[in-house]
C-alpha cells in the first residue's frame, strides 16, 4: 500500500502485513508489484524493508528519486 525510503514497504491491513512478513522471511526471491502512486505513501503496518526485496515491478510513473534508489537496491522493472 505504501513505500518510502525511510519506512520500506507498508500496508493498511495489519493481518495482511503479518502474512507478508512471514512470506518474506521464508521466501527465496521476493517480488513487489505496485503501481507508482503507492510510492511516497506511509501506512501503519510494516511489510518489509527495501533490503529484503529482490525485484520491484511498477509503472513508468515512478518518481525519479524512487527510481534511482530502487535501481541501486533491486532489479527494477518498469512497465
C-alpha atoms as a PDB file:
ATOM      1  CA  UNK A   1       0.000   0.000   0.000  1.00  0.00           C
ATOM      2  CA  UNK A   2       2.929   2.339   0.525  1.00  0.00           C
ATOM      3  CA  UNK A   3       6.676   2.824   0.280  1.00  0.00           C
ATOM      4  CA  UNK A   4       9.204   5.409   1.389  1.00  0.00           C
ATOM      5  CA  UNK A   5      12.943   5.071   1.694  1.00  0.00           C
ATOM      6  CA  UNK A   6      12.684   5.583   5.457  1.00  0.00           C
ATOM      7  CA  UNK A   7       9.873   3.102   6.213  1.00  0.00           C
ATOM      8  CA  UNK A   8      10.219   0.495   3.481  1.00  0.00           C
ATOM      9  CA  UNK A   9       7.034  -1.163   2.254  1.00  0.00           C
ATOM     10  CA  UNK A  10       3.985  -0.600   4.456  1.00  0.00           C
ATOM     11  CA  UNK A  11       0.359  -1.670   4.450  1.00  0.00           C
ATOM     12  CA  UNK A  12      -3.024  -0.613   5.793  1.00  0.00           C
ATOM     13  CA  UNK A  13      -4.091  -4.061   6.971  1.00  0.00           C
ATOM     14  CA  UNK A  14      -2.167  -5.426   9.963  1.00  0.00           C
ATOM     15  CA  UNK A  15      -3.108  -9.052   9.309  1.00  0.00           C
ATOM     16  CA  UNK A  16      -2.077  -8.884   5.647  1.00  0.00           C
ATOM     17  CA  UNK A  17       1.220  -7.230   6.642  1.00  0.00           C
ATOM     18  CA  UNK A  18       1.856 -10.063   9.085  1.00  0.00           C
ATOM     19  CA  UNK A  19       1.363 -12.607   6.293  1.00  0.00           C
ATOM     20  CA  UNK A  20       3.707 -10.599   4.036  1.00  0.00           C
ATOM     21  CA  UNK A  21       6.355 -10.565   6.792  1.00  0.00           C
ATOM     22  CA  UNK A  22       6.074 -14.336   7.122  1.00  0.00           C
ATOM     23  CA  UNK A  23       6.373 -14.873   3.347  1.00  0.00           C
ATOM     24  CA  UNK A  24       9.367 -12.523   3.129  1.00  0.00           C
ATOM     25  CA  UNK A  25      11.090 -14.363   5.987  1.00  0.00           C
ATOM     26  CA  UNK A  26      10.574 -17.728   4.245  1.00  0.00           C
ATOM     27  CA  UNK A  27      10.960 -16.609   0.634  1.00  0.00           C
ATOM     28  CA  UNK A  28      13.955 -17.141  -1.584  1.00  0.00           C
ATOM     29  CA  UNK A  29      13.209 -14.407  -4.071  1.00  0.00           C
ATOM     30  CA  UNK A  30      10.869 -11.538  -3.177  1.00  0.00           C
ATOM     31  CA  UNK A  31       8.859  -9.620  -5.793  1.00  0.00           C
ATOM     32  CA  UNK A  32       6.862  -6.446  -5.142  1.00  0.00           C
ATOM     33  CA  UNK A  33       4.212  -5.467  -7.687  1.00  0.00           C
ATOM     34  CA  UNK A  34       2.882  -1.956  -7.103  1.00  0.00           C
ATOM     35  CA  UNK A  35       1.656   0.990  -9.117  1.00  0.00           C
ATOM     36  CA  UNK A  36       3.682   4.185  -8.835  1.00  0.00           C
ATOM     37  CA  UNK A  37       1.005   6.017  -6.831  1.00  0.00           C
ATOM     38  CA  UNK A  38       1.957   3.975  -3.748  1.00  0.00           C
ATOM     39  CA  UNK A  39       5.481   5.425  -3.606  1.00  0.00           C
ATOM     40  CA  UNK A  40       5.676   8.270  -1.088  1.00  0.00           C
ATOM     41  CA  UNK A  41       2.774   6.829   0.963  1.00  0.00           C
ATOM     42  CA  UNK A  42       3.192   5.511   4.526  1.00  0.00           C
ATOM     43  CA  UNK A  43       0.762   3.213   6.331  1.00  0.00           C
ATOM     44  CA  UNK A  44       0.591   1.722   9.812  1.00  0.00           C
ATOM     45  CA  UNK A  45       1.937  -1.804   9.287  1.00  0.00           C
ATOM     46  CA  UNK A  46       5.429  -2.522   8.011  1.00  0.00           C
ATOM     47  CA  UNK A  47       5.553  -5.275   5.400  1.00  0.00           C
ATOM     48  CA  UNK A  48       9.250  -5.406   4.596  1.00  0.00           C
ATOM     49  CA  UNK A  49      12.407  -3.370   4.178  1.00  0.00           C
ATOM     50  CA  UNK A  50      13.819  -2.479   0.783  1.00  0.00           C
ATOM     51  CA  UNK A  51      16.851  -4.677   1.524  1.00  0.00           C
ATOM     52  CA  UNK A  52      14.569  -7.729   1.737  1.00  0.00           C
ATOM     53  CA  UNK A  53      13.183  -7.264  -1.797  1.00  0.00           C
ATOM     54  CA  UNK A  54      14.814  -8.692  -4.916  1.00  0.00           C
ATOM     55  CA  UNK A  55      12.533  -7.306  -7.644  1.00  0.00           C
ATOM     56  CA  UNK A  56      10.159  -4.328  -7.880  1.00  0.00           C
ATOM     57  CA  UNK A  57       7.668  -4.155 -10.736  1.00  0.00           C
ATOM     58  CA  UNK A  58       5.868  -0.852 -11.249  1.00  0.00           C
ATOM     59  CA  UNK A  59       4.713   1.539 -13.952  1.00  0.00           C
ATOM     60  CA  UNK A  60       6.714   4.288 -15.655  1.00  0.00           C
ATOM     61  CA  UNK A  61       5.128   6.979 -13.441  1.00  0.00           C
ATOM     62  CA  UNK A  62       7.602   6.161 -10.663  1.00  0.00           C
ATOM     63  CA  UNK A  63       9.173   9.399  -9.336  1.00  0.00           C
ATOM     64  CA  UNK A  64      12.871   9.759 -10.171  1.00  0.00           C
ATOM     65  CA  UNK A  65      14.058   9.721  -6.526  1.00  0.00           C
ATOM     66  CA  UNK A  66      12.497   6.281  -6.050  1.00  0.00           C
ATOM     67  CA  UNK A  67      13.653   5.098  -9.465  1.00  0.00           C
ATOM     68  CA  UNK A  68      17.273   5.858  -8.560  1.00  0.00           C
ATOM     69  CA  UNK A  69      17.070   4.264  -5.106  1.00  0.00           C
ATOM     70  CA  UNK A  70      15.279   1.144  -6.303  1.00  0.00           C
ATOM     71  CA  UNK A  71      17.602   0.687  -9.278  1.00  0.00           C
ATOM     72  CA  UNK A  72      20.573   0.539  -6.928  1.00  0.00           C
ATOM     73  CA  UNK A  73      18.961  -1.862  -4.450  1.00  0.00           C
ATOM     74  CA  UNK A  74      16.763  -4.199  -6.526  1.00  0.00           C
ATOM     75  CA  UNK A  75      16.002  -5.411 -10.018  1.00  0.00           C
ATOM     76  CA  UNK A  76      13.624  -2.590 -11.029  1.00  0.00           C
ATOM     77  CA  UNK A  77      11.175  -3.439 -13.798  1.00  0.00           C
ATOM     78  CA  UNK A  78       9.131  -0.574 -15.267  1.00  0.00           C
ATOM     79  CA  UNK A  79       6.087  -1.386 -17.383  1.00  0.00           C
END
